[in-house]
Amino acid sequence: LLAVEINDETYGEAAYKLGTYHEYGH
């Protein structure tokens, strides 16, 4: 969440991983 808030070069990967957390309920 912090990486997405910062919106740096890792944003795409962080957002993807957050998607998996929500999709699978991690």
mmCIF file of all heavy atoms, coordinates in Angstrom:
data_MODEL
# 
_entry.id   MODEL 
# 
loop_
_atom_site.group_PDB 
_atom_site.id 
_atom_site.type_symbol 
_atom_site.label_atom_id 
_atom_site.label_alt_id 
_atom_site.label_comp_id 
_atom_site.label_asym_id 
_atom_site.label_entity_id 
_atom_site.label_seq_id 
_atom_site.pdbx_PDB_ins_code 
_atom_site.Cartn_x 
_atom_site.Cartn_y 
_atom_site.Cartn_z 
_atom_site.occupancy 
_atom_site.B_iso_or_equiv 
_atom_site.pdbx_formal_charge 
_atom_site.auth_seq_id 
_atom_site.auth_comp_id 
_atom_site.auth_asym_id 
_atom_site.auth_atom_id 
_atom_site.pdbx_PDB_model_num 
ATOM 1   N N   . LEU A 1 1  ? 0.832  -1.205  0.000   1.00 0.00 ? 1  LEU A N   1 
ATOM 2   C CA  . LEU A 1 1  ? 0.000  0.000   0.000   1.00 0.00 ? 1  LEU A CA  1 
ATOM 3   C C   . LEU A 1 1  ? 0.865  1.253   0.000   1.00 0.00 ? 1  LEU A C   1 
ATOM 4   O O   . LEU A 1 1  ? 0.577  2.219   -0.712  1.00 0.00 ? 1  LEU A O   1 
ATOM 5   C CB  . LEU A 1 1  ? -0.934 0.018   1.220   1.00 0.00 ? 1  LEU A CB  1 
ATOM 6   C CG  . LEU A 1 1  ? -2.135 -0.916  1.176   1.00 0.00 ? 1  LEU A CG  1 
ATOM 7   C CD1 . LEU A 1 1  ? -2.859 -0.895  2.529   1.00 0.00 ? 1  LEU A CD1 1 
ATOM 8   C CD2 . LEU A 1 1  ? -3.085 -0.525  0.063   1.00 0.00 ? 1  LEU A CD2 1 
ATOM 9   N N   . LEU A 1 2  ? 1.922  1.227   0.780   1.00 0.00 ? 2  LEU A N   1 
ATOM 10  C CA  . LEU A 1 2  ? 2.841  2.361   0.835   1.00 0.00 ? 2  LEU A CA  1 
ATOM 11  C C   . LEU A 1 2  ? 3.509  2.584   -0.520  1.00 0.00 ? 2  LEU A C   1 
ATOM 12  O O   . LEU A 1 2  ? 3.614  3.716   -0.991  1.00 0.00 ? 2  LEU A O   1 
ATOM 13  C CB  . LEU A 1 2  ? 3.894  2.138   1.923   1.00 0.00 ? 2  LEU A CB  1 
ATOM 14  C CG  . LEU A 1 2  ? 4.893  3.265   2.138   1.00 0.00 ? 2  LEU A CG  1 
ATOM 15  C CD1 . LEU A 1 2  ? 4.189  4.548   2.526   1.00 0.00 ? 2  LEU A CD1 1 
ATOM 16  C CD2 . LEU A 1 2  ? 5.905  2.868   3.208   1.00 0.00 ? 2  LEU A CD2 1 
ATOM 17  N N   . ALA A 1 3  ? 3.928  1.515   -1.160  1.00 0.00 ? 3  ALA A N   1 
ATOM 18  C CA  . ALA A 1 3  ? 4.561  1.625   -2.480  1.00 0.00 ? 3  ALA A CA  1 
ATOM 19  C C   . ALA A 1 3  ? 3.599  2.236   -3.496  1.00 0.00 ? 3  ALA A C   1 
ATOM 20  O O   . ALA A 1 3  ? 3.998  3.054   -4.328  1.00 0.00 ? 3  ALA A O   1 
ATOM 21  C CB  . ALA A 1 3  ? 5.047  0.256   -2.958  1.00 0.00 ? 3  ALA A CB  1 
ATOM 22  N N   . VAL A 1 4  ? 2.337  1.873   -3.410  1.00 0.00 ? 4  VAL A N   1 
ATOM 23  C CA  . VAL A 1 4  ? 1.342  2.438   -4.326  1.00 0.00 ? 4  VAL A CA  1 
ATOM 24  C C   . VAL A 1 4  ? 1.124  3.921   -4.014  1.00 0.00 ? 4  VAL A C   1 
ATOM 25  O O   . VAL A 1 4  ? 1.006  4.737   -4.912  1.00 0.00 ? 4  VAL A O   1 
ATOM 26  C CB  . VAL A 1 4  ? 0.018  1.638   -4.256  1.00 0.00 ? 4  VAL A CB  1 
ATOM 27  C CG1 . VAL A 1 4  ? -1.118 2.370   -4.929  1.00 0.00 ? 4  VAL A CG1 1 
ATOM 28  C CG2 . VAL A 1 4  ? 0.212  0.278   -4.910  1.00 0.00 ? 4  VAL A CG2 1 
ATOM 29  N N   . GLU A 1 5  ? 1.088  4.265   -2.732  1.00 0.00 ? 5  GLU A N   1 
ATOM 30  C CA  . GLU A 1 5  ? 0.925  5.673   -2.334  1.00 0.00 ? 5  GLU A CA  1 
ATOM 31  C C   . GLU A 1 5  ? 2.086  6.529   -2.839  1.00 0.00 ? 5  GLU A C   1 
ATOM 32  O O   . GLU A 1 5  ? 1.879  7.645   -3.294  1.00 0.00 ? 5  GLU A O   1 
ATOM 33  C CB  . GLU A 1 5  ? 0.844  5.794   -0.814  1.00 0.00 ? 5  GLU A CB  1 
ATOM 34  C CG  . GLU A 1 5  ? -0.509 5.476   -0.248  1.00 0.00 ? 5  GLU A CG  1 
ATOM 35  C CD  . GLU A 1 5  ? -0.542 5.679   1.262   1.00 0.00 ? 5  GLU A CD  1 
ATOM 36  O OE1 . GLU A 1 5  ? 0.165  6.561   1.781   1.00 0.00 ? 5  GLU A OE1 1 
ATOM 37  O OE2 . GLU A 1 5  ? -1.294 4.928   1.914   1.00 0.00 ? 5  GLU A OE2 1 
ATOM 38  N N   . ILE A 1 6  ? 3.291  5.999   -2.730  1.00 0.00 ? 6  ILE A N   1 
ATOM 39  C CA  . ILE A 1 6  ? 4.482  6.736   -3.159  1.00 0.00 ? 6  ILE A CA  1 
ATOM 40  C C   . ILE A 1 6  ? 4.481  6.923   -4.668  1.00 0.00 ? 6  ILE A C   1 
ATOM 41  O O   . ILE A 1 6  ? 4.956  7.921   -5.180  1.00 0.00 ? 6  ILE A O   1 
ATOM 42  C CB  . ILE A 1 6  ? 5.768  6.011   -2.688  1.00 0.00 ? 6  ILE A CB  1 
ATOM 43  C CG1 . ILE A 1 6  ? 5.861  6.062   -1.162  1.00 0.00 ? 6  ILE A CG1 1 
ATOM 44  C CG2 . ILE A 1 6  ? 7.007  6.624   -3.323  1.00 0.00 ? 6  ILE A CG2 1 
ATOM 45  C CD1 . ILE A 1 6  ? 6.943  5.185   -0.592  1.00 0.00 ? 6  ILE A CD1 1 
ATOM 46  N N   . ASN A 1 7  ? 3.893  5.945   -5.389  1.00 0.00 ? 7  ASN A N   1 
ATOM 47  C CA  . ASN A 1 7  ? 3.744  6.003   -6.843  1.00 0.00 ? 7  ASN A CA  1 
ATOM 48  C C   . ASN A 1 7  ? 5.102  6.158   -7.541  1.00 0.00 ? 7  ASN A C   1 
ATOM 49  O O   . ASN A 1 7  ? 5.269  6.993   -8.424  1.00 0.00 ? 7  ASN A O   1 
ATOM 50  C CB  . ASN A 1 7  ? 2.794  7.137   -7.232  1.00 0.00 ? 7  ASN A CB  1 
ATOM 51  C CG  . ASN A 1 7  ? 2.309  7.002   -8.647  1.00 0.00 ? 7  ASN A CG  1 
ATOM 52  O OD1 . ASN A 1 7  ? 2.441  5.960   -9.273  1.00 0.00 ? 7  ASN A OD1 1 
ATOM 53  N ND2 . ASN A 1 7  ? 1.733  8.072   -9.162  1.00 0.00 ? 7  ASN A ND2 1 
ATOM 54  N N   . ASP A 1 8  ? 6.051  5.332   -7.162  1.00 0.00 ? 8  ASP A N   1 
ATOM 55  C CA  . ASP A 1 8  ? 7.365  5.367   -7.805  1.00 0.00 ? 8  ASP A CA  1 
ATOM 56  C C   . ASP A 1 8  ? 7.450  4.300   -8.891  1.00 0.00 ? 8  ASP A C   1 
ATOM 57  O O   . ASP A 1 8  ? 6.430  3.801   -9.354  1.00 0.00 ? 8  ASP A O   1 
ATOM 58  C CB  . ASP A 1 8  ? 8.486  5.226   -6.765  1.00 0.00 ? 8  ASP A CB  1 
ATOM 59  C CG  . ASP A 1 8  ? 8.496  3.870   -6.073  1.00 0.00 ? 8  ASP A CG  1 
ATOM 60  O OD1 . ASP A 1 8  ? 7.669  3.007   -6.414  1.00 0.00 ? 8  ASP A OD1 1 
ATOM 61  O OD2 . ASP A 1 8  ? 9.335  3.675   -5.187  1.00 0.00 ? 8  ASP A OD2 1 
ATOM 62  N N   . GLU A 1 9  ? 8.650  3.947   -9.282  1.00 0.00 ? 9  GLU A N   1 
ATOM 63  C CA  . GLU A 1 9  ? 8.831  2.977   -10.370 1.00 0.00 ? 9  GLU A CA  1 
ATOM 64  C C   . GLU A 1 9  ? 8.355  1.572   -10.019 1.00 0.00 ? 9  GLU A C   1 
ATOM 65  O O   . GLU A 1 9  ? 8.164  0.740   -10.899 1.00 0.00 ? 9  GLU A O   1 
ATOM 66  C CB  . GLU A 1 9  ? 10.292 2.944   -10.844 1.00 0.00 ? 9  GLU A CB  1 
ATOM 67  C CG  . GLU A 1 9  ? 11.289 2.357   -9.855  1.00 0.00 ? 9  GLU A CG  1 
ATOM 68  C CD  . GLU A 1 9  ? 11.798 3.359   -8.823  1.00 0.00 ? 9  GLU A CD  1 
ATOM 69  O OE1 . GLU A 1 9  ? 11.478 4.553   -8.922  1.00 0.00 ? 9  GLU A OE1 1 
ATOM 70  O OE2 . GLU A 1 9  ? 12.516 2.937   -7.902  1.00 0.00 ? 9  GLU A OE2 1 
ATOM 71  N N   . THR A 1 10 ? 8.119  1.298   -8.747  1.00 0.00 ? 10 THR A N   1 
ATOM 72  C CA  . THR A 1 10 ? 7.618  -0.024  -8.350  1.00 0.00 ? 10 THR A CA  1 
ATOM 73  C C   . THR A 1 10 ? 6.093  -0.071  -8.325  1.00 0.00 ? 10 THR A C   1 
ATOM 74  O O   . THR A 1 10 ? 5.519  -1.090  -7.978  1.00 0.00 ? 10 THR A O   1 
ATOM 75  C CB  . THR A 1 10 ? 8.149  -0.430  -6.952  1.00 0.00 ? 10 THR A CB  1 
ATOM 76  O OG1 . THR A 1 10 ? 7.623  0.476   -5.971  1.00 0.00 ? 10 THR A OG1 1 
ATOM 77  C CG2 . THR A 1 10 ? 9.667  -0.438  -6.911  1.00 0.00 ? 10 THR A CG2 1 
ATOM 78  N N   . TYR A 1 11 ? 5.445  1.029   -8.721  1.00 0.00 ? 11 TYR A N   1 
ATOM 79  C CA  . TYR A 1 11 ? 3.987  1.115   -8.624  1.00 0.00 ? 11 TYR A CA  1 
ATOM 80  C C   . TYR A 1 11 ? 3.285  -0.029  -9.353  1.00 0.00 ? 11 TYR A C   1 
ATOM 81  O O   . TYR A 1 11 ? 2.385  -0.650  -8.808  1.00 0.00 ? 11 TYR A O   1 
ATOM 82  C CB  . TYR A 1 11 ? 3.489  2.453   -9.169  1.00 0.00 ? 11 TYR A CB  1 
ATOM 83  C CG  . TYR A 1 11 ? 1.985  2.556   -9.138  1.00 0.00 ? 11 TYR A CG  1 
ATOM 84  C CD1 . TYR A 1 11 ? 1.348  3.018   -8.002  1.00 0.00 ? 11 TYR A CD1 1 
ATOM 85  C CD2 . TYR A 1 11 ? 1.211  2.161   -10.222 1.00 0.00 ? 11 TYR A CD2 1 
ATOM 86  C CE1 . TYR A 1 11 ? -0.034 3.086   -7.941  1.00 0.00 ? 11 TYR A CE1 1 
ATOM 87  C CE2 . TYR A 1 11 ? -0.176 2.229   -10.172 1.00 0.00 ? 11 TYR A CE2 1 
ATOM 88  C CZ  . TYR A 1 11 ? -0.786 2.696   -9.041  1.00 0.00 ? 11 TYR A CZ  1 
ATOM 89  O OH  . TYR A 1 11 ? -2.152 2.750   -8.975  1.00 0.00 ? 11 TYR A OH  1 
ATOM 90  N N   . GLY A 1 12 ? 3.654  -0.305  -10.591 1.00 0.00 ? 12 GLY A N   1 
ATOM 91  C CA  . GLY A 1 12 ? 2.985  -1.340  -11.380 1.00 0.00 ? 12 GLY A CA  1 
ATOM 92  C C   . GLY A 1 12 ? 3.018  -2.694  -10.714 1.00 0.00 ? 12 GLY A C   1 
ATOM 93  O O   . GLY A 1 12 ? 2.006  -3.384  -10.620 1.00 0.00 ? 12 GLY A O   1 
ATOM 94  N N   . GLU A 1 13 ? 4.182  -3.079  -10.217 1.00 0.00 ? 13 GLU A N   1 
ATOM 95  C CA  . GLU A 1 13 ? 4.310  -4.373  -9.547  1.00 0.00 ? 13 GLU A CA  1 
ATOM 96  C C   . GLU A 1 13 ? 3.540  -4.394  -8.229  1.00 0.00 ? 13 GLU A C   1 
ATOM 97  O O   . GLU A 1 13 ? 2.853  -5.366  -7.911  1.00 0.00 ? 13 GLU A O   1 
ATOM 98  C CB  . GLU A 1 13 ? 5.778  -4.702  -9.295  1.00 0.00 ? 13 GLU A CB  1 
ATOM 99  C CG  . GLU A 1 13 ? 5.982  -6.059  -8.665  1.00 0.00 ? 13 GLU A CG  1 
ATOM 100 C CD  . GLU A 1 13 ? 7.451  -6.424  -8.456  1.00 0.00 ? 13 GLU A CD  1 
ATOM 101 O OE1 . GLU A 1 13 ? 8.329  -5.598  -8.760  1.00 0.00 ? 13 GLU A OE1 1 
ATOM 102 O OE2 . GLU A 1 13 ? 7.695  -7.543  -7.989  1.00 0.00 ? 13 GLU A OE2 1 
ATOM 103 N N   . ALA A 1 14 ? 3.640  -3.314  -7.463  1.00 0.00 ? 14 ALA A N   1 
ATOM 104 C CA  . ALA A 1 14 ? 2.944  -3.251  -6.175  1.00 0.00 ? 14 ALA A CA  1 
ATOM 105 C C   . ALA A 1 14 ? 1.430  -3.315  -6.373  1.00 0.00 ? 14 ALA A C   1 
ATOM 106 O O   . ALA A 1 14 ? 0.739  -4.039  -5.652  1.00 0.00 ? 14 ALA A O   1 
ATOM 107 C CB  . ALA A 1 14 ? 3.326  -1.980  -5.424  1.00 0.00 ? 14 ALA A CB  1 
ATOM 108 N N   . ALA A 1 15 ? 0.926  -2.579  -7.358  1.00 0.00 ? 15 ALA A N   1 
ATOM 109 C CA  . ALA A 1 15 ? -0.514 -2.594  -7.618  1.00 0.00 ? 15 ALA A CA  1 
ATOM 110 C C   . ALA A 1 15 ? -0.971 -3.984  -8.046  1.00 0.00 ? 15 ALA A C   1 
ATOM 111 O O   . ALA A 1 15 ? -2.033 -4.460  -7.624  1.00 0.00 ? 15 ALA A O   1 
ATOM 112 C CB  . ALA A 1 15 ? -0.871 -1.558  -8.683  1.00 0.00 ? 15 ALA A CB  1 
ATOM 113 N N   . TYR A 1 16 ? -0.159 -4.649  -8.848  1.00 0.00 ? 16 TYR A N   1 
ATOM 114 C CA  . TYR A 1 16 ? -0.501 -6.012  -9.275  1.00 0.00 ? 16 TYR A CA  1 
ATOM 115 C C   . TYR A 1 16 ? -0.584 -6.946  -8.065  1.00 0.00 ? 16 TYR A C   1 
ATOM 116 O O   . TYR A 1 16 ? -1.530 -7.714  -7.920  1.00 0.00 ? 16 TYR A O   1 
ATOM 117 C CB  . TYR A 1 16 ? 0.542  -6.539  -10.268 1.00 0.00 ? 16 TYR A CB  1 
ATOM 118 C CG  . TYR A 1 16 ? 0.292  -7.968  -10.667 1.00 0.00 ? 16 TYR A CG  1 
ATOM 119 C CD1 . TYR A 1 16 ? -0.637 -8.272  -11.648 1.00 0.00 ? 16 TYR A CD1 1 
ATOM 120 C CD2 . TYR A 1 16 ? 0.973  -9.016  -10.048 1.00 0.00 ? 16 TYR A CD2 1 
ATOM 121 C CE1 . TYR A 1 16 ? -0.895 -9.596  -12.012 1.00 0.00 ? 16 TYR A CE1 1 
ATOM 122 C CE2 . TYR A 1 16 ? 0.724  -10.330 -10.401 1.00 0.00 ? 16 TYR A CE2 1 
ATOM 123 C CZ  . TYR A 1 16 ? -0.206 -10.616 -11.383 1.00 0.00 ? 16 TYR A CZ  1 
ATOM 124 O OH  . TYR A 1 16 ? -0.460 -11.917 -11.733 1.00 0.00 ? 16 TYR A OH  1 
ATOM 125 N N   . LYS A 1 17 ? 0.402  -6.858  -7.189  1.00 0.00 ? 17 LYS A N   1 
ATOM 126 C CA  . LYS A 1 17 ? 0.415  -7.722  -6.009  1.00 0.00 ? 17 LYS A CA  1 
ATOM 127 C C   . LYS A 1 17 ? -0.760 -7.420  -5.080  1.00 0.00 ? 17 LYS A C   1 
ATOM 128 O O   . LYS A 1 17 ? -1.341 -8.327  -4.497  1.00 0.00 ? 17 LYS A O   1 
ATOM 129 C CB  . LYS A 1 17 ? 1.751  -7.601  -5.276  1.00 0.00 ? 17 LYS A CB  1 
ATOM 130 C CG  . LYS A 1 17 ? 2.867  -8.272  -6.050  1.00 0.00 ? 17 LYS A CG  1 
ATOM 131 C CD  . LYS A 1 17 ? 4.208  -8.175  -5.352  1.00 0.00 ? 17 LYS A CD  1 
ATOM 132 C CE  . LYS A 1 17 ? 5.272  -8.891  -6.174  1.00 0.00 ? 17 LYS A CE  1 
ATOM 133 N NZ  . LYS A 1 17 ? 6.584  -8.822  -5.565  1.00 0.00 ? 17 LYS A NZ  1 
ATOM 134 N N   . LEU A 1 18 ? -1.127 -6.134  -4.961  1.00 0.00 ? 18 LEU A N   1 
ATOM 135 C CA  . LEU A 1 18 ? -2.303 -5.792  -4.170  1.00 0.00 ? 18 LEU A CA  1 
ATOM 136 C C   . LEU A 1 18 ? -3.556 -6.402  -4.792  1.00 0.00 ? 18 LEU A C   1 
ATOM 137 O O   . LEU A 1 18 ? -4.457 -6.855  -4.082  1.00 0.00 ? 18 LEU A O   1 
ATOM 138 C CB  . LEU A 1 18 ? -2.453 -4.268  -4.065  1.00 0.00 ? 18 LEU A CB  1 
ATOM 139 C CG  . LEU A 1 18 ? -1.491 -3.592  -3.105  1.00 0.00 ? 18 LEU A CG  1 
ATOM 140 C CD1 . LEU A 1 18 ? -1.574 -2.082  -3.251  1.00 0.00 ? 18 LEU A CD1 1 
ATOM 141 C CD2 . LEU A 1 18 ? -1.770 -4.009  -1.668  1.00 0.00 ? 18 LEU A CD2 1 
ATOM 142 N N   . GLY A 1 19 ? -3.597 -6.441  -6.108  1.00 0.00 ? 19 GLY A N   1 
ATOM 143 C CA  . GLY A 1 19 ? -4.710 -7.089  -6.788  1.00 0.00 ? 19 GLY A CA  1 
ATOM 144 C C   . GLY A 1 19 ? -4.823 -8.546  -6.405  1.00 0.00 ? 19 GLY A C   1 
ATOM 145 O O   . GLY A 1 19 ? -5.928 -9.055  -6.148  1.00 0.00 ? 19 GLY A O   1 
ATOM 146 N N   . THR A 1 20 ? -3.687 -9.229  -6.317  1.00 0.00 ? 20 THR A N   1 
ATOM 147 C CA  . THR A 1 20 ? -3.731 -10.650 -5.939  1.00 0.00 ? 20 THR A CA  1 
ATOM 148 C C   . THR A 1 20 ? -4.201 -10.814 -4.492  1.00 0.00 ? 20 THR A C   1 
ATOM 149 O O   . THR A 1 20 ? -4.928 -11.760 -4.190  1.00 0.00 ? 20 THR A O   1 
ATOM 150 C CB  . THR A 1 20 ? -2.370 -11.363 -6.122  1.00 0.00 ? 20 THR A CB  1 
ATOM 151 O OG1 . THR A 1 20 ? -1.401 -10.769 -5.259  1.00 0.00 ? 20 THR A OG1 1 
ATOM 152 C CG2 . THR A 1 20 ? -1.903 -11.299 -7.562  1.00 0.00 ? 20 THR A CG2 1 
ATOM 153 N N   . TYR A 1 21 ? -3.801 -9.897  -3.627  1.00 0.00 ? 21 TYR A N   1 
ATOM 154 C CA  . TYR A 1 21 ? -4.251 -9.967  -2.227  1.00 0.00 ? 21 TYR A CA  1 
ATOM 155 C C   . TYR A 1 21 ? -5.770 -9.892  -2.167  1.00 0.00 ? 21 TYR A C   1 
ATOM 156 O O   . TYR A 1 21 ? -6.415 -10.627 -1.426  1.00 0.00 ? 21 TYR A O   1 
ATOM 157 C CB  . TYR A 1 21 ? -3.644 -8.825  -1.399  1.00 0.00 ? 21 TYR A CB  1 
ATOM 158 C CG  . TYR A 1 21 ? -2.312 -9.154  -0.789  1.00 0.00 ? 21 TYR A CG  1 
ATOM 159 C CD1 . TYR A 1 21 ? -1.170 -9.278  -1.568  1.00 0.00 ? 21 TYR A CD1 1 
ATOM 160 C CD2 . TYR A 1 21 ? -2.189 -9.341  0.584   1.00 0.00 ? 21 TYR A CD2 1 
ATOM 161 C CE1 . TYR A 1 21 ? 0.056  -9.580  -1.005  1.00 0.00 ? 21 TYR A CE1 1 
ATOM 162 C CE2 . TYR A 1 21 ? -0.962 -9.642  1.166   1.00 0.00 ? 21 TYR A CE2 1 
ATOM 163 C CZ  . TYR A 1 21 ? 0.158  -9.763  0.360   1.00 0.00 ? 21 TYR A CZ  1 
ATOM 164 O OH  . TYR A 1 21 ? 1.366  -10.063 0.916   1.00 0.00 ? 21 TYR A OH  1 
ATOM 165 N N   . HIS A 1 22 ? -6.349 -8.993  -2.947  1.00 0.00 ? 22 HIS A N   1 
ATOM 166 C CA  . HIS A 1 22 ? -7.799 -8.818  -2.926  1.00 0.00 ? 22 HIS A CA  1 
ATOM 167 C C   . HIS A 1 22 ? -8.519 -9.942  -3.680  1.00 0.00 ? 22 HIS A C   1 
ATOM 168 O O   . HIS A 1 22 ? -9.598 -10.354 -3.277  1.00 0.00 ? 22 HIS A O   1 
ATOM 169 C CB  . HIS A 1 22 ? -8.185 -7.452  -3.488  1.00 0.00 ? 22 HIS A CB  1 
ATOM 170 C CG  . HIS A 1 22 ? -7.884 -6.351  -2.532  1.00 0.00 ? 22 HIS A CG  1 
ATOM 171 N ND1 . HIS A 1 22 ? -8.699 -6.044  -1.468  1.00 0.00 ? 22 HIS A ND1 1 
ATOM 172 C CD2 . HIS A 1 22 ? -6.834 -5.502  -2.450  1.00 0.00 ? 22 HIS A CD2 1 
ATOM 173 C CE1 . HIS A 1 22 ? -8.166 -5.052  -0.780  1.00 0.00 ? 22 HIS A CE1 1 
ATOM 174 N NE2 . HIS A 1 22 ? -7.038 -4.702  -1.355  1.00 0.00 ? 22 HIS A NE2 1 
ATOM 175 N N   . GLU A 1 23 ? -7.924 -10.424 -4.746  1.00 0.00 ? 23 GLU A N   1 
ATOM 176 C CA  . GLU A 1 23 ? -8.560 -11.496 -5.511  1.00 0.00 ? 23 GLU A CA  1 
ATOM 177 C C   . GLU A 1 23 ? -8.653 -12.787 -4.705  1.00 0.00 ? 23 GLU A C   1 
ATOM 178 O O   . GLU A 1 23 ? -9.662 -13.490 -4.739  1.00 0.00 ? 23 GLU A O   1 
ATOM 179 C CB  . GLU A 1 23 ? -7.789 -11.755 -6.806  1.00 0.00 ? 23 GLU A CB  1 
ATOM 180 C CG  . GLU A 1 23 ? -8.416 -12.835 -7.664  1.00 0.00 ? 23 GLU A CG  1 
ATOM 181 C CD  . GLU A 1 23 ? -7.706 -13.064 -8.985  1.00 0.00 ? 23 GLU A CD  1 
ATOM 182 O OE1 . GLU A 1 23 ? -6.635 -12.466 -9.234  1.00 0.00 ? 23 GLU A OE1 1 
ATOM 183 O OE2 . GLU A 1 23 ? -8.230 -13.858 -9.783  1.00 0.00 ? 23 GLU A OE2 1 
ATOM 184 N N   . TYR A 1 24 ? -7.580 -13.106 -3.978  1.00 0.00 ? 24 TYR A N   1 
ATOM 185 C CA  . TYR A 1 24 ? -7.523 -14.382 -3.265  1.00 0.00 ? 24 TYR A CA  1 
ATOM 186 C C   . TYR A 1 24 ? -7.774 -14.275 -1.764  1.00 0.00 ? 24 TYR A C   1 
ATOM 187 O O   . TYR A 1 24 ? -7.820 -15.279 -1.073  1.00 0.00 ? 24 TYR A O   1 
ATOM 188 C CB  . TYR A 1 24 ? -6.168 -15.053 -3.524  1.00 0.00 ? 24 TYR A CB  1 
ATOM 189 C CG  . TYR A 1 24 ? -5.963 -15.345 -4.987  1.00 0.00 ? 24 TYR A CG  1 
ATOM 190 C CD1 . TYR A 1 24 ? -5.078 -14.588 -5.743  1.00 0.00 ? 24 TYR A CD1 1 
ATOM 191 C CD2 . TYR A 1 24 ? -6.674 -16.357 -5.624  1.00 0.00 ? 24 TYR A CD2 1 
ATOM 192 C CE1 . TYR A 1 24 ? -4.897 -14.838 -7.100  1.00 0.00 ? 24 TYR A CE1 1 
ATOM 193 C CE2 . TYR A 1 24 ? -6.505 -16.618 -6.974  1.00 0.00 ? 24 TYR A CE2 1 
ATOM 194 C CZ  . TYR A 1 24 ? -5.607 -15.846 -7.704  1.00 0.00 ? 24 TYR A CZ  1 
ATOM 195 O OH  . TYR A 1 24 ? -5.443 -16.094 -9.049  1.00 0.00 ? 24 TYR A OH  1 
ATOM 196 N N   . GLY A 1 25 ? -7.921 -13.054 -1.250  1.00 0.00 ? 25 GLY A N   1 
ATOM 197 C CA  . GLY A 1 25 ? -8.186 -12.881 0.172   1.00 0.00 ? 25 GLY A CA  1 
ATOM 198 C C   . GLY A 1 25 ? -6.986 -13.125 1.063   1.00 0.00 ? 25 GLY A C   1 
ATOM 199 O O   . GLY A 1 25 ? -7.124 -13.581 2.185   1.00 0.00 ? 25 GLY A O   1 
ATOM 200 N N   . HIS A 1 26 ? -5.797 -12.809 0.570   1.00 0.00 ? 26 HIS A N   1 
ATOM 201 C CA  . HIS A 1 26 ? -4.582 -12.966 1.385   1.00 0.00 ? 26 HIS A CA  1 
ATOM 202 C C   . HIS A 1 26 ? -4.582 -11.957 2.537   1.00 0.00 ? 26 HIS A C   1 
ATOM 203 O O   . HIS A 1 26 ? -5.275 -10.957 2.498   1.00 0.00 ? 26 HIS A O   1 
ATOM 204 C CB  . HIS A 1 26 ? -3.325 -12.750 0.543   1.00 0.00 ? 26 HIS A CB  1 
ATOM 205 C CG  . HIS A 1 26 ? -3.121 -13.771 -0.532  1.00 0.00 ? 26 HIS A CG  1 
ATOM 206 N ND1 . HIS A 1 26 ? -3.250 -15.122 -0.327  1.00 0.00 ? 26 HIS A ND1 1 
ATOM 207 C CD2 . HIS A 1 26 ? -2.793 -13.630 -1.848  1.00 0.00 ? 26 HIS A CD2 1 
ATOM 208 C CE1 . HIS A 1 26 ? -3.002 -15.775 -1.442  1.00 0.00 ? 26 HIS A CE1 1 
ATOM 209 N NE2 . HIS A 1 26 ? -2.741 -14.890 -2.385  1.00 0.00 ? 26 HIS A NE2 1 
# 
